[in-house]
Every structure is written in C-alpha cells, then in structure tokens.
C-alpha atoms as a PDB file:
ATOM      1  CA  MET A   1       5.769   5.799  10.827  1.00  0.00           C
ATOM      2  CA  VAL A   2       5.651   2.961   8.287  1.00  0.00           C
ATOM      3  CA  ILE A   3       2.975   1.989   5.780  1.00  0.00           C
ATOM      4  CA  ALA A   4       3.152  -1.700   4.861  1.00  0.00           C
ATOM      5  CA  LEU A   5       1.328  -3.216   1.898  1.00  0.00           C
ATOM      6  CA  ASP A   6       0.702  -6.785   0.788  1.00  0.00           C
ATOM      7  CA  SER A   7      -0.172  -6.549  -2.894  1.00  0.00           C
ATOM      8  CA  GLY A   8      -1.503  -9.837  -4.227  1.00  0.00           C
ATOM      9  CA  LYS A   9      -3.530 -11.030  -7.182  1.00  0.00           C
ATOM     10  CA  THR A  10      -6.922 -10.629  -5.504  1.00  0.00           C
ATOM     11  CA  ARG A  11      -6.468  -8.006  -2.765  1.00  0.00           C
ATOM     12  CA  THR A  12      -4.100  -5.264  -1.685  1.00  0.00           C
ATOM     13  CA  ASN A  13      -4.056  -4.819   2.082  1.00  0.00           C
ATOM     14  CA  ALA A  14      -2.257  -2.062   3.956  1.00  0.00           C
ATOM     15  CA  VAL A  15      -1.581  -0.963   7.517  1.00  0.00           C
ATOM     16  CA  ALA A  16       0.280   1.967   9.022  1.00  0.00           C
ATOM     17  CA  ILE A  17       2.271   1.348  12.163  1.00  0.00           C
ATOM     18  CA  ASN A  18       4.536   3.422  14.393  1.00  0.00           C
ATOM     19  CA  SER A  19       7.678   2.453  16.288  1.00  0.00           C
ATOM     20  CA  ASP A  20       5.566   1.636  19.368  1.00  0.00           C
ATOM     21  CA  LEU A  21       3.893  -1.068  17.246  1.00  0.00           C
ATOM     22  CA  ASN A  22       0.519   0.653  17.257  1.00  0.00           C
ATOM     23  CA  VAL A  23      -1.620   0.020  14.182  1.00  0.00           C
ATOM     24  CA  LEU A  24      -2.784   3.424  12.963  1.00  0.00           C
ATOM     25  CA  CYS A  25      -4.917   2.486   9.954  1.00  0.00           C
ATOM     26  CA  ARG A  26      -6.140  -0.454   7.900  1.00  0.00           C
ATOM     27  CA  VAL A  27      -7.111  -0.186   4.237  1.00  0.00           C
ATOM     28  CA  SER A  28      -7.918  -2.715   1.507  1.00  0.00           C
ATOM     29  CA  GLY A  29      -8.229  -2.410  -2.247  1.00  0.00           C
ATOM     30  CA  ARG A  30      -8.387  -4.535  -5.374  1.00  0.00           C
ATOM     31  CA  GLY A  31      -5.546  -6.834  -6.394  1.00  0.00           C
ATOM     32  CA  GLY A  32      -2.281  -5.192  -7.371  1.00  0.00           C
ATOM     33  CA  GLY A  33      -0.187  -8.167  -8.452  1.00  0.00           C
ATOM     34  CA  LEU A  34       2.297  -7.540 -11.248  1.00  0.00           C
ATOM     35  CA  ILE A  35       0.269  -9.614 -13.700  1.00  0.00           C
ATOM     36  CA  TYR A  36      -1.989  -6.571 -14.139  1.00  0.00           C
ATOM     37  CA  ASP A  37      -1.512  -3.471 -16.284  1.00  0.00           C
ATOM     38  CA  SER A  38       0.966  -0.952 -14.831  1.00  0.00           C
ATOM     39  CA  GLY A  39      -1.654   1.797 -14.770  1.00  0.00           C
ATOM     40  CA  VAL A  40      -4.102  -0.389 -12.874  1.00  0.00           C
ATOM     41  CA  ILE A  41      -1.448  -1.362 -10.325  1.00  0.00           C
ATOM     42  CA  THR A  42      -0.301   2.232  -9.832  1.00  0.00           C
ATOM     43  CA  ASN A  43      -3.859   3.455  -9.261  1.00  0.00           C
ATOM     44  CA  THR A  44      -4.584   0.588  -6.858  1.00  0.00           C
ATOM     45  CA  LEU A  45      -1.512   1.209  -4.710  1.00  0.00           C
ATOM     46  CA  LEU A  46      -1.937   4.976  -4.871  1.00  0.00           C
ATOM     47  CA  GLY A  47      -5.560   4.717  -3.735  1.00  0.00           C
ATOM     48  CA  VAL A  48      -4.727   2.455  -0.799  1.00  0.00           C
ATOM     49  CA  ILE A  49      -1.807   4.584   0.371  1.00  0.00           C
ATOM     50  CA  GLU A  50      -3.689   7.884   0.015  1.00  0.00           C
ATOM     51  CA  GLU A  51      -6.689   6.493   1.899  1.00  0.00           C
ATOM     52  CA  CYS A  52      -4.414   5.397   4.750  1.00  0.00           C
ATOM     53  CA  ILE A  53      -2.823   8.851   4.862  1.00  0.00           C
ATOM     54  CA  ARG A  54      -6.257  10.491   4.818  1.00  0.00           C
ATOM     55  CA  LEU A  55      -7.545   8.334   7.682  1.00  0.00           C
ATOM     56  CA  MET A  56      -4.542   9.247   9.815  1.00  0.00           C
ATOM     57  CA  GLY A  57      -4.870  12.954   8.987  1.00  0.00           C
ATOM     58  CA  ILE A  58      -1.182  13.422   8.296  1.00  0.00           C
ATOM     59  CA  GLY A  59       1.068  14.718   5.537  1.00  0.00           C
ATOM     60  CA  THR A  60       3.362  12.547   3.468  1.00  0.00           C
ATOM     61  CA  SER A  61       6.374  14.117   5.187  1.00  0.00           C
ATOM     62  CA  SER A  62       5.412  12.198   8.360  1.00  0.00           C
ATOM     63  CA  ILE A  63       5.968   8.852   6.642  1.00  0.00           C
ATOM     64  CA  ASP A  64       9.391   7.266   7.105  1.00  0.00           C
ATOM     65  CA  ALA A  65       8.921   4.267   4.812  1.00  0.00           C
ATOM     66  CA  ILE A  66       6.389   2.609   2.534  1.00  0.00           C
ATOM     67  CA  VAL A  67       7.091  -1.106   2.060  1.00  0.00           C
ATOM     68  CA  ILE A  68       5.337  -3.209  -0.587  1.00  0.00           C
ATOM     69  CA  SER A  69       5.319  -7.001  -0.536  1.00  0.00           C
ATOM     70  CA  TRP A  70       4.573  -7.948  -4.145  1.00  0.00           C
ATOM     71  CA  ALA A  71       3.235 -11.104  -5.722  1.00  0.00           C
ATOM     72  CA  ASP A  72       4.738 -12.300  -9.045  1.00  0.00           C
ATOM     73  CA  LEU A  73       8.055 -10.470  -8.624  1.00  0.00           C
ATOM     74  CA  ASP A  74      10.016 -13.358 -10.136  1.00  0.00           C
ATOM     75  CA  THR A  75      11.588 -12.326 -13.433  1.00  0.00           C
ATOM     76  CA  GLU A  76      13.771  -9.435 -14.569  1.00  0.00           C
ATOM     77  CA  ALA A  77      10.913  -8.037 -16.644  1.00  0.00           C
ATOM     78  CA  TYR A  78       8.686  -7.787 -13.581  1.00  0.00           C
ATOM     79  CA  TRP A  79      11.450  -6.091 -11.562  1.00  0.00           C
ATOM     80  CA  VAL A  80      11.743  -3.447 -14.288  1.00  0.00           C
ATOM     81  CA  LYS A  81       7.954  -3.041 -14.323  1.00  0.00           C
ATOM     82  CA  ALA A  82       7.821  -2.732 -10.524  1.00  0.00           C
ATOM     83  CA  SER A  83      10.602  -0.134 -10.490  1.00  0.00           C
ATOM     84  CA  GLY A  84       8.676   1.990 -12.985  1.00  0.00           C
ATOM     85  CA  ILE A  85       5.544   1.836 -10.835  1.00  0.00           C
ATOM     86  CA  ILE A  86       7.519   2.789  -7.719  1.00  0.00           C
ATOM     87  CA  ASN A  87       9.060   5.777  -9.514  1.00  0.00           C
ATOM     88  CA  GLU A  88       5.592   6.949 -10.531  1.00  0.00           C
ATOM     89  CA  LEU A  89       4.263   6.536  -6.985  1.00  0.00           C
ATOM     90  CA  SER A  90       7.155   8.604  -5.680  1.00  0.00           C
ATOM     91  CA  VAL A  91       6.179  11.481  -7.965  1.00  0.00           C
ATOM     92  CA  LYS A  92       2.419  11.267  -7.369  1.00  0.00           C
ATOM     93  CA  LEU A  93       2.771  10.987  -3.583  1.00  0.00           C
ATOM     94  CA  ASN A  94       5.569  13.563  -3.459  1.00  0.00           C
ATOM     95  CA  ILE A  95       7.653  11.168  -1.379  1.00  0.00           C
ATOM     96  CA  PRO A  96      11.412  10.637  -1.867  1.00  0.00           C
ATOM     97  CA  ARG A  97      12.118   7.491  -3.881  1.00  0.00           C
ATOM     98  CA  SER A  98      14.404   6.285  -1.071  1.00  0.00           C
ATOM     99  CA  LYS A  99      11.380   5.941   1.241  1.00  0.00           C
ATOM    100  CA  LEU A 100       9.636   3.495  -1.104  1.00  0.00           C
ATOM    101  CA  VAL A 101      10.771  -0.119  -0.689  1.00  0.00           C
ATOM    102  CA  PHE A 102       9.479  -3.178  -2.516  1.00  0.00           C
ATOM    103  CA  ASP A 103      10.363  -6.857  -2.691  1.00  0.00           C
ATOM    104  CA  HIS A 104       9.050 -10.327  -3.506  1.00  0.00           C
ATOM    105  CA  ASP A 105       6.337 -11.595  -1.171  1.00  0.00           C
ATOM    106  CA  ALA A 106       8.638 -14.532  -0.407  1.00  0.00           C
ATOM    107  CA  VAL A 107      11.135 -12.048   1.051  1.00  0.00           C
ATOM    108  CA  ALA A 108       8.364 -10.617   3.196  1.00  0.00           C
ATOM    109  CA  ALA A 109       7.520 -14.152   4.356  1.00  0.00           C
ATOM    110  CA  TYR A 110      11.188 -14.657   5.220  1.00  0.00           C
ATOM    111  CA  TYR A 111      11.126 -11.593   7.477  1.00  0.00           C
ATOM    112  CA  ALA A 112       7.861 -12.743   9.060  1.00  0.00           C
ATOM    113  CA  VAL A 113       9.422 -16.113   9.927  1.00  0.00           C
ATOM    114  CA  THR A 114      12.974 -15.149  10.873  1.00  0.00           C
ATOM    115  CA  LEU A 115      12.530 -11.487  11.896  1.00  0.00           C
ATOM    116  CA  GLY A 116      15.695 -10.854   9.888  1.00  0.00           C
ATOM    117  CA  GLU A 117      17.865 -13.603  11.384  1.00  0.00           C
ATOM    118  CA  PRO A 118      19.728 -16.048   9.092  1.00  0.00           C
ATOM    119  CA  GLY A 119      17.346 -18.779   7.994  1.00  0.00           C
ATOM    120  CA  VAL A 120      14.763 -19.955   5.487  1.00  0.00           C
ATOM    121  CA  ALA A 121      11.045 -19.447   5.036  1.00  0.00           C
ATOM    122  CA  VAL A 122       9.092 -22.044   3.069  1.00  0.00           C
ATOM    123  CA  ILE A 123       5.819 -20.749   1.648  1.00  0.00           C
ATOM    124  CA  ALA A 124       3.122 -23.233   0.671  1.00  0.00           C
ATOM    125  CA  GLY A 125      -0.279 -21.940  -0.347  1.00  0.00           C
ATOM    126  CA  THR A 126      -1.679 -22.343  -3.850  1.00  0.00           C
ATOM    127  CA  GLY A 127       1.953 -22.369  -4.997  1.00  0.00           C
ATOM    128  CA  ALA A 128       5.215 -23.026  -3.193  1.00  0.00           C
ATOM    129  CA  ILE A 129       8.554 -21.273  -2.863  1.00  0.00           C
ATOM    130  CA  ALA A 130      11.368 -21.077  -0.311  1.00  0.00           C
ATOM    131  CA  LEU A 131      13.631 -18.118   0.327  1.00  0.00           C
ATOM    132  CA  GLY A 132      16.550 -17.760   2.686  1.00  0.00           C
ATOM    133  CA  MET A 133      19.257 -15.338   3.718  1.00  0.00           C
ATOM    134  CA  ASN A 134      22.555 -15.904   5.494  1.00  0.00           C
ATOM    135  CA  ALA A 135      24.499 -13.707   7.900  1.00  0.00           C
ATOM    136  CA  ARG A 136      26.315 -12.102   4.952  1.00  0.00           C
ATOM    137  CA  GLY A 137      23.038 -10.926   3.440  1.00  0.00           C
ATOM    138  CA  GLU A 138      23.227 -13.378   0.531  1.00  0.00           C
ATOM    139  CA  ARG A 139      19.886 -14.706  -0.724  1.00  0.00           C
ATOM    140  CA  ALA A 140      18.790 -17.917  -2.389  1.00  0.00           C
ATOM    141  CA  ARG A 141      15.433 -19.358  -3.419  1.00  0.00           C
ATOM    142  CA  SER A 142      14.039 -22.733  -4.392  1.00  0.00           C
ATOM    143  CA  SER A 143      10.866 -23.730  -6.258  1.00  0.00           C
ATOM    144  CA  GLY A 144       8.281 -21.104  -7.217  1.00  0.00           C
ATOM    145  CA  TRP A 145       8.224 -22.338 -10.812  1.00  0.00           C
ATOM    146  CA  GLY A 146       4.439 -22.289 -11.072  1.00  0.00           C
ATOM    147  CA  TRP A 147       2.012 -25.175 -11.206  1.00  0.00           C
ATOM    148  CA  LEU A 148       2.830 -26.263 -14.755  1.00  0.00           C
ATOM    149  CA  ILE A 149       6.518 -26.793 -13.966  1.00  0.00           C
ATOM    150  CA  GLY A 150       6.848 -27.369 -10.242  1.00  0.00           C
ATOM    151  CA  ASP A 151       5.531 -25.882  -6.985  1.00  0.00           C
ATOM    152  CA  GLU A 152       5.927 -29.272  -5.347  1.00  0.00           C
ATOM    153  CA  GLY A 153       4.252 -29.511  -1.962  1.00  0.00           C
ATOM    154  CA  SER A 154       1.811 -26.685  -2.646  1.00  0.00           C
ATOM    155  CA  ALA A 155      -1.962 -26.936  -2.400  1.00  0.00           C
ATOM    156  CA  GLY A 156      -2.135 -26.898  -6.202  1.00  0.00           C
ATOM    157  CA  TRP A 157       0.369 -29.744  -6.401  1.00  0.00           C
ATOM    158  CA  ILE A 158      -1.530 -31.727  -3.754  1.00  0.00           C
ATOM    159  CA  ALA A 159      -4.759 -31.256  -5.706  1.00  0.00           C
ATOM    160  CA  LEU A 160      -3.197 -32.504  -8.951  1.00  0.00           C
ATOM    161  CA  LYS A 161      -1.699 -35.478  -7.110  1.00  0.00           C
ATOM    162  CA  ALA A 162      -5.132 -36.291  -5.687  1.00  0.00           C
ATOM    163  CA  LEU A 163      -6.809 -36.132  -9.087  1.00  0.00           C
ATOM    164  CA  ASN A 164      -4.140 -38.398 -10.554  1.00  0.00           C
ATOM    165  CA  ALA A 165      -4.396 -40.882  -7.668  1.00  0.00           C
ATOM    166  CA  ALA A 166      -8.187 -41.012  -8.005  1.00  0.00           C
ATOM    167  CA  SER A 167      -7.968 -41.611 -11.757  1.00  0.00           C
ATOM    168  CA  ARG A 168      -5.492 -44.459 -11.219  1.00  0.00           C
ATOM    169  CA  ALA A 169      -7.713 -46.015  -8.543  1.00  0.00           C
ATOM    170  CA  TYR A 170     -10.756 -45.700 -10.811  1.00  0.00           C
ATOM    171  CA  ASP A 171      -8.941 -47.515 -13.623  1.00  0.00           C
ATOM    172  CA  GLY A 172      -7.378 -50.132 -11.356  1.00  0.00           C
ATOM    173  CA  ARG A 173      -3.855 -48.878 -12.108  1.00  0.00           C
ATOM    174  CA  GLY A 174      -3.318 -47.821  -8.534  1.00  0.00           C
ATOM    175  CA  PRO A 175      -4.492 -48.571  -4.993  1.00  0.00           C
ATOM    176  CA  TRP A 176      -8.026 -47.703  -4.029  1.00  0.00           C
ATOM    177  CA  THR A 177      -8.520 -44.356  -2.315  1.00  0.00           C
ATOM    178  CA  SER A 178     -11.521 -42.704  -0.720  1.00  0.00           C
ATOM    179  CA  LEU A 179     -10.632 -39.643  -2.796  1.00  0.00           C
ATOM    180  CA  VAL A 180     -12.616 -41.218  -5.640  1.00  0.00           C
ATOM    181  CA  ASN A 181     -15.889 -40.755  -3.781  1.00  0.00           C
ATOM    182  CA  ARG A 182     -14.901 -37.386  -2.284  1.00  0.00           C
ATOM    183  CA  LEU A 183     -14.087 -36.023  -5.718  1.00  0.00           C
ATOM    184  CA  LYS A 184     -17.337 -37.375  -7.159  1.00  0.00           C
ATOM    185  CA  ASP A 185     -19.238 -35.541  -4.423  1.00  0.00           C
ATOM    186  CA  TYR A 186     -17.166 -32.379  -4.868  1.00  0.00           C
ATOM    187  CA  PHE A 187     -17.740 -32.198  -8.615  1.00  0.00           C
ATOM    188  CA  LYS A 188     -21.335 -33.454  -8.285  1.00  0.00           C
ATOM    189  CA  VAL A 189     -20.941 -36.359 -10.718  1.00  0.00           C
ATOM    190  CA  LYS A 190     -22.182 -39.948 -10.437  1.00  0.00           C
ATOM    191  CA  ASP A 191     -19.219 -41.345 -12.358  1.00  0.00           C
ATOM    192  CA  LEU A 192     -15.696 -40.009 -11.750  1.00  0.00           C
ATOM    193  CA  LEU A 193     -14.999 -40.068 -15.495  1.00  0.00           C
ATOM    194  CA  ASN A 194     -17.495 -37.229 -15.883  1.00  0.00           C
ATOM    195  CA  ILE A 195     -15.162 -34.789 -14.143  1.00  0.00           C
ATOM    196  CA  LEU A 196     -13.477 -34.560 -17.552  1.00  0.00           C
ATOM    197  CA  ASP A 197     -16.394 -32.370 -18.634  1.00  0.00           C
ATOM    198  CA  VAL A 198     -15.548 -29.968 -15.829  1.00  0.00           C
ATOM    199  CA  MET A 199     -11.759 -30.120 -15.992  1.00  0.00           C
ATOM    200  CA  TYR A 200     -11.384 -29.567 -19.723  1.00  0.00           C
ATOM    201  CA  ALA A 201     -14.372 -27.376 -20.542  1.00  0.00           C
ATOM    202  CA  GLU A 202     -12.044 -24.394 -20.132  1.00  0.00           C
ATOM    203  CA  PRO A 203      -8.424 -23.857 -19.057  1.00  0.00           C
ATOM    204  CA  PRO A 204      -8.030 -25.032 -15.443  1.00  0.00           C
ATOM    205  CA  GLU A 205      -7.622 -22.388 -12.755  1.00  0.00           C
ATOM    206  CA  ILE A 206      -5.095 -23.631 -10.222  1.00  0.00           C
ATOM    207  CA  ASP A 207      -6.444 -21.286  -7.529  1.00  0.00           C
ATOM    208  CA  LYS A 208      -9.764 -23.150  -7.664  1.00  0.00           C
ATOM    209  CA  LEU A 209      -8.244 -26.614  -7.980  1.00  0.00           C
ATOM    210  CA  ALA A 210      -6.002 -25.939  -4.982  1.00  0.00           C
ATOM    211  CA  LYS A 211      -9.069 -26.040  -2.741  1.00  0.00           C
ATOM    212  CA  LEU A 212      -9.097 -29.819  -3.241  1.00  0.00           C
ATOM    213  CA  ALA A 213      -6.101 -30.011  -0.903  1.00  0.00           C
ATOM    214  CA  VAL A 214      -8.512 -29.625   2.011  1.00  0.00           C
ATOM    215  CA  LEU A 215     -10.304 -32.813   0.925  1.00  0.00           C
ATOM    216  CA  VAL A 216      -6.997 -34.659   0.826  1.00  0.00           C
ATOM    217  CA  SER A 217      -6.213 -33.552   4.371  1.00  0.00           C
ATOM    218  CA  GLU A 218      -9.643 -34.645   5.603  1.00  0.00           C
ATOM    219  CA  GLU A 219      -9.349 -38.054   3.944  1.00  0.00           C
ATOM    220  CA  ALA A 220      -5.838 -38.503   5.312  1.00  0.00           C
ATOM    221  CA  GLU A 221      -7.012 -37.785   8.846  1.00  0.00           C
ATOM    222  CA  GLY A 222      -9.762 -40.327   8.218  1.00  0.00           C
ATOM    223  CA  GLY A 223      -7.148 -42.978   7.484  1.00  0.00           C
ATOM    224  CA  ASP A 224      -6.957 -43.018   3.676  1.00  0.00           C
ATOM    225  CA  GLU A 225      -3.440 -44.274   2.969  1.00  0.00           C
ATOM    226  CA  VAL A 226      -3.162 -42.681  -0.460  1.00  0.00           C
ATOM    227  CA  SER A 227      -4.052 -39.269   0.959  1.00  0.00           C
ATOM    228  CA  VAL A 228      -1.555 -39.734   3.791  1.00  0.00           C
ATOM    229  CA  SER A 229       1.110 -40.621   1.229  1.00  0.00           C
ATOM    230  CA  ILE A 230       0.406 -37.479  -0.811  1.00  0.00           C
ATOM    231  CA  LEU A 231       0.653 -35.223   2.242  1.00  0.00           C
ATOM    232  CA  LYS A 232       3.828 -36.851   3.506  1.00  0.00           C
ATOM    233  CA  GLU A 233       5.414 -36.388   0.091  1.00  0.00           C
ATOM    234  CA  ALA A 234       4.315 -32.744   0.186  1.00  0.00           C
ATOM    235  CA  GLY A 235       6.037 -32.316   3.561  1.00  0.00           C
ATOM    236  CA  ARG A 236       9.243 -33.865   2.241  1.00  0.00           C
ATOM    237  CA  GLU A 237       9.211 -31.699  -0.893  1.00  0.00           C
ATOM    238  CA  LEU A 238       8.762 -28.536   1.175  1.00  0.00           C
ATOM    239  CA  ALA A 239      11.563 -29.636   3.505  1.00  0.00           C
ATOM    240  CA  LEU A 240      13.788 -30.259   0.487  1.00  0.00           C
ATOM    241  CA  ASN A 241      13.306 -26.606  -0.477  1.00  0.00           C
ATOM    242  CA  ALA A 242      14.504 -25.456   2.937  1.00  0.00           C
ATOM    243  CA  ILE A 243      17.493 -27.827   2.902  1.00  0.00           C
ATOM    244  CA  THR A 244      18.450 -26.815  -0.652  1.00  0.00           C
ATOM    245  CA  VAL A 245      18.413 -23.110   0.202  1.00  0.00           C
ATOM    246  CA  ALA A 246      20.428 -23.702   3.386  1.00  0.00           C
ATOM    247  CA  LYS A 247      23.049 -25.642   1.409  1.00  0.00           C
ATOM    248  CA  ARG A 248      23.311 -22.964  -1.274  1.00  0.00           C
ATOM    249  CA  LEU A 249      23.878 -20.319   1.392  1.00  0.00           C
ATOM    250  CA  GLY A 250      26.439 -22.325   3.345  1.00  0.00           C
ATOM    251  CA  MET A 251      24.161 -22.674   6.382  1.00  0.00           C
ATOM    252  CA  ILE A 252      23.884 -26.457   6.533  1.00  0.00           C
ATOM    253  CA  ASN A 253      25.748 -26.654   9.861  1.00  0.00           C
ATOM    254  CA  GLU A 254      24.645 -23.332  11.300  1.00  0.00           C
ATOM    255  CA  SER A 255      22.058 -22.432  13.936  1.00  0.00           C
ATOM    256  CA  ILE A 256      19.398 -20.956  11.696  1.00  0.00           C
ATOM    257  CA  VAL A 257      15.661 -20.347  11.804  1.00  0.00           C
ATOM    258  CA  ILE A 258      13.388 -22.421   9.562  1.00  0.00           C
ATOM    259  CA  GLY A 259       9.656 -21.894   9.286  1.00  0.00           C
ATOM    260  CA  GLY A 260       6.687 -22.750   7.139  1.00  0.00           C
ATOM    261  CA  VAL A 261       4.182 -20.199   5.933  1.00  0.00           C
ATOM    262  CA  GLY A 262       0.782 -20.723   4.335  1.00  0.00           C
ATOM    263  CA  SER A 263      -2.357 -22.835   4.319  1.00  0.00           C
ATOM    264  CA  VAL A 264      -0.696 -26.160   3.468  1.00  0.00           C
ATOM    265  CA  PHE A 265       1.055 -26.115   6.844  1.00  0.00           C
ATOM    266  CA  SER A 266      -2.322 -26.310   8.559  1.00  0.00           C
ATOM    267  CA  SER A 267      -2.112 -30.024   7.740  1.00  0.00           C
ATOM    268  CA  ARG A 268      -0.742 -31.909  10.741  1.00  0.00           C
ATOM    269  CA  ILE A 269       0.736 -34.576   8.485  1.00  0.00           C
ATOM    270  CA  VAL A 270       2.512 -32.104   6.195  1.00  0.00           C
ATOM    271  CA  ASN A 271       3.846 -30.135   9.139  1.00  0.00           C
ATOM    272  CA  GLU A 272       5.167 -33.196  11.007  1.00  0.00           C
ATOM    273  CA  GLU A 273       6.849 -34.638   7.904  1.00  0.00           C
ATOM    274  CA  PHE A 274       8.352 -31.239   7.073  1.00  0.00           C
ATOM    275  CA  LYS A 275       9.802 -30.785  10.548  1.00  0.00           C
ATOM    276  CA  GLU A 276      11.200 -34.311  10.770  1.00  0.00           C
ATOM    277  CA  THR A 277      12.851 -34.120   7.335  1.00  0.00           C
ATOM    278  CA  VAL A 278      14.380 -30.707   8.025  1.00  0.00           C
ATOM    279  CA  THR A 279      15.778 -31.607  11.444  1.00  0.00           C
ATOM    280  CA  ASN A 280      17.279 -34.864  10.152  1.00  0.00           C
ATOM    281  CA  THR A 281      19.544 -32.832   7.852  1.00  0.00           C
ATOM    282  CA  LEU A 282      19.761 -29.358   9.387  1.00  0.00           C
ATOM    283  CA  VAL A 283      20.555 -30.622  12.873  1.00  0.00           C
ATOM    284  CA  LYS A 284      21.270 -27.167  14.339  1.00  0.00           C
ATOM    285  CA  ALA A 285      18.198 -25.504  12.834  1.00  0.00           C
ATOM    286  CA  ARG A 286      15.359 -24.193  14.980  1.00  0.00           C
ATOM    287  CA  VAL A 287      12.098 -25.077  13.237  1.00  0.00           C
ATOM    288  CA  LYS A 288       9.392 -22.627  14.269  1.00  0.00           C
ATOM    289  CA  GLU A 289       5.693 -23.345  14.352  1.00  0.00           C
ATOM    290  CA  PRO A 290       4.190 -22.421  10.965  1.00  0.00           C
ATOM    291  CA  LEU A 291       2.458 -19.143  10.239  1.00  0.00           C
ATOM    292  CA  VAL A 292      -1.027 -19.946   9.002  1.00  0.00           C
ATOM    293  CA  GLY A 293      -3.836 -17.464   8.460  1.00  0.00           C
ATOM    294  CA  ASN A 294      -3.640 -13.679   8.465  1.00  0.00           C
ATOM    295  CA  TYR A 295       0.147 -13.306   8.422  1.00  0.00           C
ATOM    296  CA  PRO A 296       1.061 -11.598   5.064  1.00  0.00           C
ATOM    297  CA  LEU A 297       1.332  -8.069   6.455  1.00  0.00           C
ATOM    298  CA  LEU A 298       3.747  -9.075   9.214  1.00  0.00           C
ATOM    299  CA  GLY A 299       6.649  -9.378   6.762  1.00  0.00           C
ATOM    300  CA  PRO A 300       6.452  -5.895   5.215  1.00  0.00           C
ATOM    301  CA  VAL A 301       5.811  -4.427   8.671  1.00  0.00           C
ATOM    302  CA  VAL A 302       9.024  -6.028  10.003  1.00  0.00           C
ATOM    303  CA  MET A 303      10.891  -4.853   6.896  1.00  0.00           C
ATOM    304  CA  GLY A 304       9.604  -1.302   7.364  1.00  0.00           C
ATOM    305  CA  LEU A 305      10.394  -1.120  11.059  1.00  0.00           C
ATOM    306  CA  SER A 306      13.900  -2.468  10.511  1.00  0.00           C
ATOM    307  CA  ARG A 307      14.285   0.222   7.867  1.00  0.00           C
ATOM    308  CA  ILE A 308      13.807   2.877  10.554  1.00  0.00           C
ATOM    309  CA  GLY A 309      16.064   1.080  13.045  1.00  0.00           C
ATOM    310  CA  LYS A 310      13.409  -0.752  15.091  1.00  0.00           C
ATOM    311  CA  LYS A 311      14.464  -4.344  15.851  1.00  0.00           C
ATOM    312  CA  ILE A 312      11.572  -6.763  16.320  1.00  0.00           C
ATOM    313  CA  THR A 313      11.594  -9.480  18.986  1.00  0.00           C
ATOM    314  CA  SER A 314       9.539 -12.671  19.002  1.00  0.00           C
ATOM    315  CA  ILE A 315       7.275 -11.097  21.627  1.00  0.00           C
ATOM    316  CA  ASP A 316       6.814  -8.057  19.371  1.00  0.00           C
ATOM    317  CA  ALA A 317       5.970 -10.340  16.458  1.00  0.00           C
ATOM    318  CA  GLU A 318       3.314 -12.172  18.473  1.00  0.00           C
ATOM    319  CA  LYS A 319       1.770  -8.861  19.442  1.00  0.00           C
ATOM    320  CA  LEU A 320       1.827  -7.674  15.843  1.00  0.00           C
ATOM    321  CA  LEU A 321       0.207 -10.861  14.567  1.00  0.00           C
ATOM    322  CA  LYS A 322      -2.674 -10.357  17.004  1.00  0.00           C
ATOM    323  CA  GLU A 323      -2.998  -6.731  15.927  1.00  0.00           C
ATOM    324  CA  LEU A 324      -2.840  -7.538  12.240  1.00  0.00           C
END
C-alpha cells in the first residue's frame, strides 16, 4: 500500500493506492509548499496522512511507502528543510524513515510522463521547468528560475510577453495586436495606460497574471499574429528545455520519451511548435501527448509503486489517470 501526496502552494492532495491500482482514499488539505513555516507544513502533511489512514481503518504498519511530490524543492536550503520535516513525520507517524520518500514536483512529473523510462518531462504552468533522467540514473534540469529571471514558455512568461506587446502596440513601437482591447476589457479600463494603476498598486502576483495566457491563446486562435508569435516562441522555448536536458544527459541520439505537462500545453499552437522543434533535433525521441488537467498525483503514485516493485505500463497509467 502506498500513500502519494502532491504538496503545492495552495493545496495538498493525497491518495492511497494498492498494487492492484485501486484507489483506497482521497484527502485534501491546505497548501504545504516549502515556502511555508516548517511547523505549518508538518501539521498539514501529518493531518492529510492521518486522515487517509483513518478512512482506510488501518495501522501505519500496513503502509509500504509514503511519497511526497513537493513544490519549491529547488535549493540546498529547502532540501535541508524538507529532510527535517520528513524526520519529524517519521517520529510522529511511527513509520520507519526509509518508508518516507520525497522529491521535487518536477521529478514526479518526469515519472508521470516517462513512467521511469529514460527521457524528459517539460512542465509549463504558471512557471516552467524541465527534468530528465538517463538510463544510468543521472538527472539534469533546465529552467525553473522563477518569473523574475526566466521560466520562459510558462503561462507567467506568456502573460508578461502579452502585456509588453500590448504596450508597444499602444505606443506605436510595435505591430498592432487585438490584445490591447482584450486587456482593456480584462482590467476594466477605458484606456490601456490605466492598467498601470492596477499593475503597480502592489507587488504583482505572477499566479494571477498567468491567467492572461488564456487570453493570448484565444486571440491567437482568432488570428492575431502577435499572439500567435508569442505562443510559438513559448513552444520553442519549452522545446529548448527538453533538448538541453537531453544533451546534458547524453541522450541526443537515443530513443527517449519526451512529454509536456501543465496548462500551457492545452494551447494547440504551443503544443505543435513544441513537438516540431523537439523532433527536428531529437530525431529518435517519442513525443507523447501532453498531460493537462488533474495529473499531479500520477507521478508520486508511480514513484511509490515502483518503490514496492510494481512496474507501471502505459495502460496502467491511463487507468490511474481516470481514477485520479
């Protein structure tokens, strides 16, 4: 029996699953991302896990593995913080430390895409990051620098590109784009210049701005050339992440699995540009259809099942996605 958790900034979701791929419980709690206080995170994870155990009516000795997919697990300081939380959970749950596994949510996305085969997963939601692994178990990542520094191809990046393109069109410094009027409607202003009151009244929240990416996709599908250009560039940037990781891992000429994960890949234009750019360079790669929607728990589930010796097939993964 495995308990898998996806611990993000806004929600912590968990499921328990057995080796027959039956979902035994579902529990949600508040966000448990590593940006929060250690005590808050510990209590959040402990509450979710204990509720799952209670619903199943079992003892902790029946659990073979608890796997946590964690947001923000980027720097050494956060790894140290996460290890401390895991040690505390081990004591409070009276579960051997060896049964508690945690990793970056990009690693979980990798397992969701590749099911553990050599390859690369490219994640593009509010932010963007790519992570890959080769047959020797070596890992490499690309991007994931946050919206101030990078995250090219992400929804946040697309939104900032759209705002810049609209400002240039408004001034006459760039080609006209229908984004000018869409953004006026979105921010409820008569003159685009008045969005400055909204944008700079307080520090911008990239999670909220990222929602503008949907407008860009709609305008692109309506024929706006500037919007199309932004989305195509996003697709190329995301493909560059996959290619870079493959090169760093010595997989450029190998038959590997590549896949996109996250809301940005719901854009037809992004997805097509991504696939074309990847296959032009990684000629032996198999580019899977992107995972969009309720996929985050699939990764830690696959990680947990592999931990107890259960190999997942593509058919199993499809079944799990429906269940999850």
